Amino acid sequence: YSNLGFLVHQKGDFDEAESLYLEALEINSKHDGYEDLSVAMVLCNLASLKYSQGLHEQAISHYKKAIEIKKVKLAPNHQSLLKSVQNLAYMYYSLGRKKEAEELLGEFKLI
């Protein structure tokens, strides 16, 4: 569902993409538990979708949850974790929240 949601999202059908992402989130969290990396992946996709819709606080919330899962499951320098951190920092910068972006990047030694 998540991959299909991504394709639909790219086509601009945000409502259908969200429905598919939420279905993937439900399935993955029931099957693997809410703290699983598959859930983090779906949360990142939801964050991207919400950012596309201009729902920035929801996007930030989804990225924060995904990062927390990845921090537990992955090495501190894992590419997937750092990509999520960079995406969240970009959101902060785009919203004029430079201090939050820099603090986040500093926490992960990316600046």
PDB file of N, CA and C in Angstrom:
ATOM      1  N   TYR A   1       0.817  -1.193   0.000  1.00  0.00           N
ATOM      2  CA  TYR A   1       0.000   0.000   0.000  1.00  0.00           C
ATOM      3  C   TYR A   1       0.865   1.263   0.000  1.00  0.00           C
ATOM      4  N   SER A   2       1.958   1.215   0.710  1.00  0.00           N
ATOM      5  CA  SER A   2       2.816   2.394   0.792  1.00  0.00           C
ATOM      6  C   SER A   2       3.415   2.740  -0.565  1.00  0.00           C
ATOM      7  N   ASN A   3       3.891   1.739  -1.285  1.00  0.00           N
ATOM      8  CA  ASN A   3       4.468   2.000  -2.609  1.00  0.00           C
ATOM      9  C   ASN A   3       3.422   2.533  -3.575  1.00  0.00           C
ATOM     10  N   LEU A   4       2.232   1.967  -3.521  1.00  0.00           N
ATOM     11  CA  LEU A   4       1.154   2.461  -4.365  1.00  0.00           C
ATOM     12  C   LEU A   4       0.778   3.891  -3.956  1.00  0.00           C
ATOM     13  N   GLY A   5       0.752   4.138  -2.672  1.00  0.00           N
ATOM     14  CA  GLY A   5       0.482   5.488  -2.174  1.00  0.00           C
ATOM     15  C   GLY A   5       1.501   6.480  -2.695  1.00  0.00           C
ATOM     16  N   PHE A   6       2.763   6.068  -2.728  1.00  0.00           N
ATOM     17  CA  PHE A   6       3.821   6.939  -3.242  1.00  0.00           C
ATOM     18  C   PHE A   6       3.567   7.287  -4.705  1.00  0.00           C
ATOM     19  N   LEU A   7       3.205   6.298  -5.504  1.00  0.00           N
ATOM     20  CA  LEU A   7       2.942   6.547  -6.923  1.00  0.00           C
ATOM     21  C   LEU A   7       1.748   7.478  -7.112  1.00  0.00           C
ATOM     22  N   VAL A   8       0.707   7.250  -6.347  1.00  0.00           N
ATOM     23  CA  VAL A   8      -0.483   8.095  -6.432  1.00  0.00           C
ATOM     24  C   VAL A   8      -0.154   9.515  -5.975  1.00  0.00           C
ATOM     25  N   HIS A   9       0.659   9.614  -4.929  1.00  0.00           N
ATOM     26  CA  HIS A   9       1.105  10.921  -4.423  1.00  0.00           C
ATOM     27  C   HIS A   9       1.847  11.678  -5.520  1.00  0.00           C
ATOM     28  N   GLN A  10       2.728  10.991  -6.223  1.00  0.00           N
ATOM     29  CA  GLN A  10       3.500  11.627  -7.303  1.00  0.00           C
ATOM     30  C   GLN A  10       2.593  12.135  -8.425  1.00  0.00           C
ATOM     31  N   LYS A  11       1.461  11.482  -8.601  1.00  0.00           N
ATOM     32  CA  LYS A  11       0.500  11.912  -9.624  1.00  0.00           C
ATOM     33  C   LYS A  11      -0.373  13.067  -9.137  1.00  0.00           C
ATOM     34  N   GLY A  12      -0.287  13.368  -7.851  1.00  0.00           N
ATOM     35  CA  GLY A  12      -1.023  14.497  -7.311  1.00  0.00           C
ATOM     36  C   GLY A  12      -2.364  14.177  -6.681  1.00  0.00           C
ATOM     37  N   ASP A  13      -2.700  12.915  -6.552  1.00  0.00           N
ATOM     38  CA  ASP A  13      -3.953  12.529  -5.904  1.00  0.00           C
ATOM     39  C   ASP A  13      -3.687  12.348  -4.407  1.00  0.00           C
ATOM     40  N   PHE A  14      -3.699  13.461  -3.691  1.00  0.00           N
ATOM     41  CA  PHE A  14      -3.322  13.466  -2.288  1.00  0.00           C
ATOM     42  C   PHE A  14      -4.286  12.682  -1.403  1.00  0.00           C
ATOM     43  N   ASP A  15      -5.573  12.766  -1.693  1.00  0.00           N
ATOM     44  CA  ASP A  15      -6.548  12.046  -0.866  1.00  0.00           C
ATOM     45  C   ASP A  15      -6.366  10.533  -0.981  1.00  0.00           C
ATOM     46  N   GLU A  16      -6.200  10.055  -2.204  1.00  0.00           N
ATOM     47  CA  GLU A  16      -5.996   8.617  -2.409  1.00  0.00           C
ATOM     48  C   GLU A  16      -4.665   8.172  -1.807  1.00  0.00           C
ATOM     49  N   ALA A  17      -3.635   8.989  -1.961  1.00  0.00           N
ATOM     50  CA  ALA A  17      -2.325   8.662  -1.391  1.00  0.00           C
ATOM     51  C   ALA A  17      -2.423   8.542   0.124  1.00  0.00           C
ATOM     52  N   GLU A  18      -3.108   9.494   0.745  1.00  0.00           N
ATOM     53  CA  GLU A  18      -3.241   9.441   2.198  1.00  0.00           C
ATOM     54  C   GLU A  18      -3.985   8.181   2.631  1.00  0.00           C
ATOM     55  N   SER A  19      -5.039   7.842   1.924  1.00  0.00           N
ATOM     56  CA  SER A  19      -5.796   6.635   2.239  1.00  0.00           C
ATOM     57  C   SER A  19      -4.899   5.398   2.161  1.00  0.00           C
ATOM     58  N   LEU A  20      -4.097   5.316   1.129  1.00  0.00           N
ATOM     59  CA  LEU A  20      -3.197   4.166   0.968  1.00  0.00           C
ATOM     60  C   LEU A  20      -2.110   4.156   2.045  1.00  0.00           C
ATOM     61  N   TYR A  21      -1.563   5.312   2.358  1.00  0.00           N
ATOM     62  CA  TYR A  21      -0.542   5.385   3.408  1.00  0.00           C
ATOM     63  C   TYR A  21      -1.118   4.970   4.760  1.00  0.00           C
ATOM     64  N   LEU A  22      -2.319   5.426   5.052  1.00  0.00           N
ATOM     65  CA  LEU A  22      -2.938   5.066   6.332  1.00  0.00           C
ATOM     66  C   LEU A  22      -3.240   3.571   6.406  1.00  0.00           C
ATOM     67  N   GLU A  23      -3.627   2.991   5.280  1.00  0.00           N
ATOM     68  CA  GLU A  23      -3.844   1.536   5.226  1.00  0.00           C
ATOM     69  C   GLU A  23      -2.520   0.804   5.479  1.00  0.00           C
ATOM     70  N   ALA A  24      -1.457   1.279   4.855  1.00  0.00           N
ATOM     71  CA  ALA A  24      -0.136   0.676   5.062  1.00  0.00           C
ATOM     72  C   ALA A  24       0.301   0.823   6.515  1.00  0.00           C
ATOM     73  N   LEU A  25       0.043   1.971   7.093  1.00  0.00           N
ATOM     74  CA  LEU A  25       0.406   2.208   8.485  1.00  0.00           C
ATOM     75  C   LEU A  25      -0.335   1.250   9.414  1.00  0.00           C
ATOM     76  N   GLU A  26      -1.612   1.055   9.153  1.00  0.00           N
ATOM     77  CA  GLU A  26      -2.401   0.138   9.976  1.00  0.00           C
ATOM     78  C   GLU A  26      -1.899  -1.301   9.847  1.00  0.00           C
ATOM     79  N   ILE A  27      -1.683  -1.729   8.618  1.00  0.00           N
ATOM     80  CA  ILE A  27      -1.213  -3.102   8.384  1.00  0.00           C
ATOM     81  C   ILE A  27       0.159  -3.319   9.008  1.00  0.00           C
ATOM     82  N   ASN A  28       1.084  -2.405   8.746  1.00  0.00           N
ATOM     83  CA  ASN A  28       2.448  -2.575   9.245  1.00  0.00           C
ATOM     84  C   ASN A  28       2.508  -2.527  10.767  1.00  0.00           C
ATOM     85  N   SER A  29       1.749  -1.623  11.372  1.00  0.00           N
ATOM     86  CA  SER A  29       1.807  -1.531  12.832  1.00  0.00           C
ATOM     87  C   SER A  29       1.155  -2.735  13.496  1.00  0.00           C
ATOM     88  N   LYS A  30       0.111  -3.299  12.883  1.00  0.00           N
ATOM     89  CA  LYS A  30      -0.508  -4.516  13.442  1.00  0.00           C
ATOM     90  C   LYS A  30       0.418  -5.721  13.283  1.00  0.00           C
ATOM     91  N   HIS A  31       1.067  -5.794  12.138  1.00  0.00           N
ATOM     92  CA  HIS A  31       1.908  -6.956  11.842  1.00  0.00           C
ATOM     93  C   HIS A  31       3.258  -6.884  12.552  1.00  0.00           C
ATOM     94  N   ASP A  32       3.900  -5.733  12.473  1.00  0.00           N
ATOM     95  CA  ASP A  32       5.277  -5.606  12.963  1.00  0.00           C
ATOM     96  C   ASP A  32       5.414  -4.806  14.248  1.00  0.00           C
ATOM     97  N   GLY A  33       4.354  -4.154  14.676  1.00  0.00           N
ATOM     98  CA  GLY A  33       4.432  -3.285  15.847  1.00  0.00           C
ATOM     99  C   GLY A  33       4.717  -1.858  15.421  1.00  0.00           C
ATOM    100  N   TYR A  34       4.259  -0.923  16.233  1.00  0.00           N
ATOM    101  CA  TYR A  34       4.363   0.483  15.849  1.00  0.00           C
ATOM    102  C   TYR A  34       5.805   0.983  15.801  1.00  0.00           C
ATOM    103  N   GLU A  35       6.703   0.307  16.453  1.00  0.00           N
ATOM    104  CA  GLU A  35       8.101   0.751  16.491  1.00  0.00           C
ATOM    105  C   GLU A  35       8.956   0.127  15.393  1.00  0.00           C
ATOM    106  N   ASP A  36       8.351  -0.443  14.380  1.00  0.00           N
ATOM    107  CA  ASP A  36       9.084  -1.116  13.310  1.00  0.00           C
ATOM    108  C   ASP A  36       9.521  -0.127  12.233  1.00  0.00           C
ATOM    109  N   LEU A  37      10.589  -0.459  11.540  1.00  0.00           N
ATOM    110  CA  LEU A  37      11.095   0.400  10.461  1.00  0.00           C
ATOM    111  C   LEU A  37      10.102   0.549   9.315  1.00  0.00           C
ATOM    112  N   SER A  38       9.269  -0.461   9.092  1.00  0.00           N
ATOM    113  CA  SER A  38       8.262  -0.329   8.035  1.00  0.00           C
ATOM    114  C   SER A  38       7.263   0.776   8.382  1.00  0.00           C
ATOM    115  N   VAL A  39       6.980   0.937   9.650  1.00  0.00           N
ATOM    116  CA  VAL A  39       6.093   2.014  10.099  1.00  0.00           C
ATOM    117  C   VAL A  39       6.796   3.360   9.904  1.00  0.00           C
ATOM    118  N   ALA A  40       8.076   3.417  10.223  1.00  0.00           N
ATOM    119  CA  ALA A  40       8.833   4.657  10.036  1.00  0.00           C
ATOM    120  C   ALA A  40       8.832   5.079   8.570  1.00  0.00           C
ATOM    121  N   MET A  41       8.957   4.113   7.670  1.00  0.00           N
ATOM    122  CA  MET A  41       8.943   4.433   6.241  1.00  0.00           C
ATOM    123  C   MET A  41       7.614   5.058   5.840  1.00  0.00           C
ATOM    124  N   VAL A  42       6.524   4.478   6.302  1.00  0.00           N
ATOM    125  CA  VAL A  42       5.196   5.016   5.977  1.00  0.00           C
ATOM    126  C   VAL A  42       5.032   6.409   6.588  1.00  0.00           C
ATOM    127  N   LEU A  43       5.514   6.603   7.799  1.00  0.00           N
ATOM    128  CA  LEU A  43       5.434   7.918   8.430  1.00  0.00           C
ATOM    129  C   LEU A  43       6.195   8.967   7.621  1.00  0.00           C
ATOM    130  N   CYS A  44       7.333   8.587   7.065  1.00  0.00           N
ATOM    131  CA  CYS A  44       8.090   9.513   6.212  1.00  0.00           C
ATOM    132  C   CYS A  44       7.297   9.858   4.951  1.00  0.00           C
ATOM    133  N   ASN A  45       6.642   8.859   4.370  1.00  0.00           N
ATOM    134  CA  ASN A  45       5.813   9.121   3.198  1.00  0.00           C
ATOM    135  C   ASN A  45       4.641  10.036   3.553  1.00  0.00           C
ATOM    136  N   LEU A  46       4.025   9.808   4.692  1.00  0.00           N
ATOM    137  CA  LEU A  46       2.946  10.684   5.148  1.00  0.00           C
ATOM    138  C   LEU A  46       3.454  12.099   5.394  1.00  0.00           C
ATOM    139  N   ALA A  47       4.650  12.214   5.941  1.00  0.00           N
ATOM    140  CA  ALA A  47       5.233  13.537   6.177  1.00  0.00           C
ATOM    141  C   ALA A  47       5.406  14.285   4.865  1.00  0.00           C
ATOM    142  N   SER A  48       5.916  13.603   3.872  1.00  0.00           N
ATOM    143  CA  SER A  48       6.092  14.222   2.561  1.00  0.00           C
ATOM    144  C   SER A  48       4.752  14.653   1.975  1.00  0.00           C
ATOM    145  N   LEU A  49       3.757  13.810   2.102  1.00  0.00           N
ATOM    146  CA  LEU A  49       2.418  14.125   1.606  1.00  0.00           C
ATOM    147  C   LEU A  49       1.858  15.355   2.314  1.00  0.00           C
ATOM    148  N   LYS A  50       1.941  15.370   3.625  1.00  0.00           N
ATOM    149  CA  LYS A  50       1.399  16.491   4.393  1.00  0.00           C
ATOM    150  C   LYS A  50       2.129  17.791   4.053  1.00  0.00           C
ATOM    151  N   TYR A  51       3.422  17.698   3.837  1.00  0.00           N
ATOM    152  CA  TYR A  51       4.181  18.892   3.438  1.00  0.00           C
ATOM    153  C   TYR A  51       3.688  19.383   2.080  1.00  0.00           C
ATOM    154  N   SER A  52       3.436  18.467   1.153  1.00  0.00           N
ATOM    155  CA  SER A  52       2.918  18.827  -0.170  1.00  0.00           C
ATOM    156  C   SER A  52       1.564  19.525  -0.072  1.00  0.00           C
ATOM    157  N   GLN A  53       0.790  19.158   0.931  1.00  0.00           N
ATOM    158  CA  GLN A  53      -0.537  19.729   1.130  1.00  0.00           C
ATOM    159  C   GLN A  53      -0.496  21.042   1.919  1.00  0.00           C
ATOM    160  N   GLY A  54       0.696  21.434   2.367  1.00  0.00           N
ATOM    161  CA  GLY A  54       0.811  22.645   3.170  1.00  0.00           C
ATOM    162  C   GLY A  54       0.467  22.436   4.634  1.00  0.00           C
ATOM    163  N   LEU A  55       0.350  21.188   5.051  1.00  0.00           N
ATOM    164  CA  LEU A  55       0.039  20.847   6.443  1.00  0.00           C
ATOM    165  C   LEU A  55       1.351  20.578   7.184  1.00  0.00           C
ATOM    166  N   HIS A  56       2.085  21.656   7.399  1.00  0.00           N
ATOM    167  CA  HIS A  56       3.464  21.555   7.859  1.00  0.00           C
ATOM    168  C   HIS A  56       3.613  20.957   9.247  1.00  0.00           C
ATOM    169  N   GLU A  57       2.756  21.319  10.181  1.00  0.00           N
ATOM    170  CA  GLU A  57       2.895  20.779  11.536  1.00  0.00           C
ATOM    171  C   GLU A  57       2.636  19.274  11.558  1.00  0.00           C
ATOM    172  N   GLN A  58       1.699  18.811  10.750  1.00  0.00           N
ATOM    173  CA  GLN A  58       1.464  17.371  10.651  1.00  0.00           C
ATOM    174  C   GLN A  58       2.672  16.677  10.028  1.00  0.00           C
ATOM    175  N   ALA A  59       3.245  17.310   9.014  1.00  0.00           N
ATOM    176  CA  ALA A  59       4.437  16.741   8.372  1.00  0.00           C
ATOM    177  C   ALA A  59       5.577  16.625   9.374  1.00  0.00           C
ATOM    178  N   ILE A  60       5.788  17.665  10.137  1.00  0.00           N
ATOM    179  CA  ILE A  60       6.859  17.663  11.136  1.00  0.00           C
ATOM    180  C   ILE A  60       6.617  16.564  12.169  1.00  0.00           C
ATOM    181  N   SER A  61       5.390  16.429  12.617  1.00  0.00           N
ATOM    182  CA  SER A  61       5.054  15.405  13.597  1.00  0.00           C
ATOM    183  C   SER A  61       5.356  14.002  13.068  1.00  0.00           C
ATOM    184  N   HIS A  62       4.988  13.744  11.819  1.00  0.00           N
ATOM    185  CA  HIS A  62       5.257  12.431  11.234  1.00  0.00           C
ATOM    186  C   HIS A  62       6.764  12.177  11.123  1.00  0.00           C
ATOM    187  N   TYR A  63       7.526  13.187  10.693  1.00  0.00           N
ATOM    188  CA  TYR A  63       8.972  12.993  10.602  1.00  0.00           C
ATOM    189  C   TYR A  63       9.591  12.757  11.972  1.00  0.00           C
ATOM    190  N   LYS A  64       9.132  13.480  12.972  1.00  0.00           N
ATOM    191  CA  LYS A  64       9.673  13.283  14.319  1.00  0.00           C
ATOM    192  C   LYS A  64       9.441  11.852  14.807  1.00  0.00           C
ATOM    193  N   LYS A  65       8.245  11.335  14.581  1.00  0.00           N
ATOM    194  CA  LYS A  65       7.937   9.958  14.990  1.00  0.00           C
ATOM    195  C   LYS A  65       8.821   8.965  14.238  1.00  0.00           C
ATOM    196  N   ALA A  66       8.983   9.190  12.939  1.00  0.00           N
ATOM    197  CA  ALA A  66       9.827   8.293  12.137  1.00  0.00           C
ATOM    198  C   ALA A  66      11.271   8.330  12.621  1.00  0.00           C
ATOM    199  N   ILE A  67      11.758   9.509  12.916  1.00  0.00           N
ATOM    200  CA  ILE A  67      13.140   9.649  13.388  1.00  0.00           C
ATOM    201  C   ILE A  67      13.320   8.941  14.726  1.00  0.00           C
ATOM    202  N   GLU A  68      12.353   9.052  15.612  1.00  0.00           N
ATOM    203  CA  GLU A  68      12.452   8.369  16.905  1.00  0.00           C
ATOM    204  C   GLU A  68      12.531   6.856  16.731  1.00  0.00           C
ATOM    205  N   ILE A  69      11.741   6.315  15.823  1.00  0.00           N
ATOM    206  CA  ILE A  69      11.806   4.872  15.552  1.00  0.00           C
ATOM    207  C   ILE A  69      13.175   4.507  14.986  1.00  0.00           C
ATOM    208  N   LYS A  70      13.626   5.277  14.016  1.00  0.00           N
ATOM    209  CA  LYS A  70      14.907   4.980  13.367  1.00  0.00           C
ATOM    210  C   LYS A  70      16.087   5.120  14.326  1.00  0.00           C
ATOM    211  N   LYS A  71      15.996   6.065  15.263  1.00  0.00           N
ATOM    212  CA  LYS A  71      17.075   6.225  16.246  1.00  0.00           C
ATOM    213  C   LYS A  71      17.254   4.966  17.084  1.00  0.00           C
ATOM    214  N   VAL A  72      16.166   4.283  17.365  1.00  0.00           N
ATOM    215  CA  VAL A  72      16.211   3.061  18.171  1.00  0.00           C
ATOM    216  C   VAL A  72      16.682   1.870  17.340  1.00  0.00           C
ATOM    217  N   LYS A  73      16.242   1.817  16.105  1.00  0.00           N
ATOM    218  CA  LYS A  73      16.459   0.633  15.266  1.00  0.00           C
ATOM    219  C   LYS A  73      17.738   0.668  14.418  1.00  0.00           C
ATOM    220  N   LEU A  74      18.261   1.866  14.166  1.00  0.00           N
ATOM    221  CA  LEU A  74      19.385   1.992  13.233  1.00  0.00           C
ATOM    222  C   LEU A  74      20.608   2.614  13.904  1.00  0.00           C
ATOM    223  N   ALA A  75      21.743   2.423  13.279  1.00  0.00           N
ATOM    224  CA  ALA A  75      22.978   3.054  13.752  1.00  0.00           C
ATOM    225  C   ALA A  75      22.858   4.575  13.612  1.00  0.00           C
ATOM    226  N   PRO A  76      23.560   5.332  14.448  1.00  0.00           N
ATOM    227  CA  PRO A  76      23.450   6.790  14.407  1.00  0.00           C
ATOM    228  C   PRO A  76      23.839   7.423  13.065  1.00  0.00           C
ATOM    229  N   ASN A  77      24.633   6.717  12.287  1.00  0.00           N
ATOM    230  CA  ASN A  77      25.060   7.263  10.999  1.00  0.00           C
ATOM    231  C   ASN A  77      24.396   6.561   9.811  1.00  0.00           C
ATOM    232  N   HIS A  78      23.312   5.839  10.066  1.00  0.00           N
ATOM    233  CA  HIS A  78      22.627   5.110   8.999  1.00  0.00           C
ATOM    234  C   HIS A  78      22.004   6.105   8.009  1.00  0.00           C
ATOM    235  N   GLN A  79      22.137   5.803   6.740  1.00  0.00           N
ATOM    236  CA  GLN A  79      21.675   6.687   5.671  1.00  0.00           C
ATOM    237  C   GLN A  79      20.181   7.005   5.778  1.00  0.00           C
ATOM    238  N   SER A  80      19.368   6.038   6.112  1.00  0.00           N
ATOM    239  CA  SER A  80      17.924   6.257   6.206  1.00  0.00           C
ATOM    240  C   SER A  80      17.584   7.227   7.336  1.00  0.00           C
ATOM    241  N   LEU A  81      18.219   7.064   8.469  1.00  0.00           N
ATOM    242  CA  LEU A  81      18.009   7.970   9.596  1.00  0.00           C
ATOM    243  C   LEU A  81      18.443   9.381   9.228  1.00  0.00           C
ATOM    244  N   LEU A  82      19.631   9.507   8.678  1.00  0.00           N
ATOM    245  CA  LEU A  82      20.157  10.832   8.356  1.00  0.00           C
ATOM    246  C   LEU A  82      19.338  11.519   7.265  1.00  0.00           C
ATOM    247  N   LYS A  83      18.807  10.759   6.324  1.00  0.00           N
ATOM    248  CA  LYS A  83      17.952  11.341   5.278  1.00  0.00           C
ATOM    249  C   LYS A  83      16.681  11.923   5.895  1.00  0.00           C
ATOM    250  N   SER A  84      16.096  11.215   6.833  1.00  0.00           N
ATOM    251  CA  SER A  84      14.895  11.722   7.506  1.00  0.00           C
ATOM    252  C   SER A  84      15.216  12.985   8.301  1.00  0.00           C
ATOM    253  N   VAL A  85      16.348  12.998   8.960  1.00  0.00           N
ATOM    254  CA  VAL A  85      16.779  14.182   9.709  1.00  0.00           C
ATOM    255  C   VAL A  85      16.964  15.365   8.751  1.00  0.00           C
ATOM    256  N   GLN A  86      17.616  15.120   7.621  1.00  0.00           N
ATOM    257  CA  GLN A  86      17.819  16.191   6.642  1.00  0.00           C
ATOM    258  C   GLN A  86      16.487  16.693   6.088  1.00  0.00           C
ATOM    259  N   ASN A  87      15.551  15.793   5.836  1.00  0.00           N
ATOM    260  CA  ASN A  87      14.240  16.202   5.333  1.00  0.00           C
ATOM    261  C   ASN A  87      13.506  17.075   6.352  1.00  0.00           C
ATOM    262  N   LEU A  88      13.553  16.684   7.608  1.00  0.00           N
ATOM    263  CA  LEU A  88      12.905  17.487   8.640  1.00  0.00           C
ATOM    264  C   LEU A  88      13.608  18.845   8.771  1.00  0.00           C
ATOM    265  N   ALA A  89      14.919  18.845   8.730  1.00  0.00           N
ATOM    266  CA  ALA A  89      15.659  20.112   8.806  1.00  0.00           C
ATOM    267  C   ALA A  89      15.297  21.024   7.631  1.00  0.00           C
ATOM    268  N   TYR A  90      15.156  20.437   6.452  1.00  0.00           N
ATOM    269  CA  TYR A  90      14.742  21.224   5.290  1.00  0.00           C
ATOM    270  C   TYR A  90      13.372  21.853   5.526  1.00  0.00           C
ATOM    271  N   MET A  91      12.455  21.089   6.091  1.00  0.00           N
ATOM    272  CA  MET A  91      11.130  21.638   6.394  1.00  0.00           C
ATOM    273  C   MET A  91      11.248  22.821   7.343  1.00  0.00           C
ATOM    274  N   TYR A  92      12.040  22.634   8.395  1.00  0.00           N
ATOM    275  CA  TYR A  92      12.228  23.736   9.339  1.00  0.00           C
ATOM    276  C   TYR A  92      12.776  24.976   8.620  1.00  0.00           C
ATOM    277  N   TYR A  93      13.815  24.783   7.815  1.00  0.00           N
ATOM    278  CA  TYR A  93      14.405  25.919   7.089  1.00  0.00           C
ATOM    279  C   TYR A  93      13.370  26.580   6.183  1.00  0.00           C
ATOM    280  N   SER A  94      12.598  25.775   5.469  1.00  0.00           N
ATOM    281  CA  SER A  94      11.614  26.335   4.528  1.00  0.00           C
ATOM    282  C   SER A  94      10.521  27.114   5.246  1.00  0.00           C
ATOM    283  N   LEU A  95      10.316  26.814   6.509  1.00  0.00           N
ATOM    284  CA  LEU A  95       9.306  27.505   7.308  1.00  0.00           C
ATOM    285  C   LEU A  95       9.904  28.657   8.109  1.00  0.00           C
ATOM    286  N   GLY A  96      11.185  28.944   7.878  1.00  0.00           N
ATOM    287  CA  GLY A  96      11.842  30.033   8.586  1.00  0.00           C
ATOM    288  C   GLY A  96      12.244  29.685  10.011  1.00  0.00           C
ATOM    289  N   ARG A  97      12.301  28.402  10.304  1.00  0.00           N
ATOM    290  CA  ARG A  97      12.632  27.938  11.649  1.00  0.00           C
ATOM    291  C   ARG A  97      14.081  27.447  11.676  1.00  0.00           C
ATOM    292  N   LYS A  98      14.969  28.383  11.361  1.00  0.00           N
ATOM    293  CA  LYS A  98      16.392  28.078  11.199  1.00  0.00           C
ATOM    294  C   LYS A  98      17.015  27.484  12.470  1.00  0.00           C
ATOM    295  N   LYS A  99      16.664  28.037  13.614  1.00  0.00           N
ATOM    296  CA  LYS A  99      17.250  27.552  14.868  1.00  0.00           C
ATOM    297  C   LYS A  99      16.911  26.078  15.098  1.00  0.00           C
ATOM    298  N   GLU A 100      15.651  25.701  14.863  1.00  0.00           N
ATOM    299  CA  GLU A 100      15.252  24.304  15.044  1.00  0.00           C
ATOM    300  C   GLU A 100      15.980  23.394  14.057  1.00  0.00           C
ATOM    301  N   ALA A 101      16.143  23.875  12.831  1.00  0.00           N
ATOM    302  CA  ALA A 101      16.866  23.092  11.828  1.00  0.00           C
ATOM    303  C   ALA A 101      18.308  22.874  12.254  1.00  0.00           C
ATOM    304  N   GLU A 102      18.951  23.923  12.697  1.00  0.00           N
ATOM    305  CA  GLU A 102      20.353  23.814  13.097  1.00  0.00           C
ATOM    306  C   GLU A 102      20.532  22.948  14.333  1.00  0.00           C
ATOM    307  N   GLU A 103      19.612  23.047  15.278  1.00  0.00           N
ATOM    308  CA  GLU A 103      19.687  22.192  16.465  1.00  0.00           C
ATOM    309  C   GLU A 103      19.549  20.718  16.085  1.00  0.00           C
ATOM    310  N   LEU A 104      18.616  20.434  15.198  1.00  0.00           N
ATOM    311  CA  LEU A 104      18.407  19.061  14.746  1.00  0.00           C
ATOM    312  C   LEU A 104      19.648  18.542  14.024  1.00  0.00           C
ATOM    313  N   LEU A 105      20.157  19.323  13.097  1.00  0.00           N
ATOM    314  CA  LEU A 105      21.354  18.900  12.350  1.00  0.00           C
ATOM    315  C   LEU A 105      22.549  18.747  13.293  1.00  0.00           C
ATOM    316  N   GLY A 106      22.662  19.624  14.261  1.00  0.00           N
ATOM    317  CA  GLY A 106      23.749  19.528  15.237  1.00  0.00           C
ATOM    318  C   GLY A 106      23.649  18.276  16.101  1.00  0.00           C
ATOM    319  N   GLU A 107      22.440  17.911  16.465  1.00  0.00           N
ATOM    320  CA  GLU A 107      22.223  16.695  17.267  1.00  0.00           C
ATOM    321  C   GLU A 107      22.778  15.468  16.558  1.00  0.00           C
ATOM    322  N   PHE A 108      22.664  15.454  15.235  1.00  0.00           N
ATOM    323  CA  PHE A 108      23.128  14.312  14.459  1.00  0.00           C
ATOM    324  C   PHE A 108      24.484  14.573  13.801  1.00  0.00           C
ATOM    325  N   LYS A 109      25.126  15.657  14.236  1.00  0.00           N
ATOM    326  CA  LYS A 109      26.470  16.008  13.739  1.00  0.00           C
ATOM    327  C   LYS A 109      26.509  16.168  12.217  1.00  0.00           C
ATOM    328  N   LEU A 110      25.474  16.809  11.685  1.00  0.00           N
ATOM    329  CA  LEU A 110      25.401  17.051  10.253  1.00  0.00           C
ATOM    330  C   LEU A 110      25.803  18.475   9.895  1.00  0.00           C
ATOM    331  N   ILE A 111      26.148  19.283  10.916  1.00  0.00           N
ATOM    332  CA  ILE A 111      26.704  20.617  10.651  1.00  0.00           C
ATOM    333  C   ILE A 111      27.901  20.825  11.542  1.00  0.00           C
TER     334      ILE A 111
END
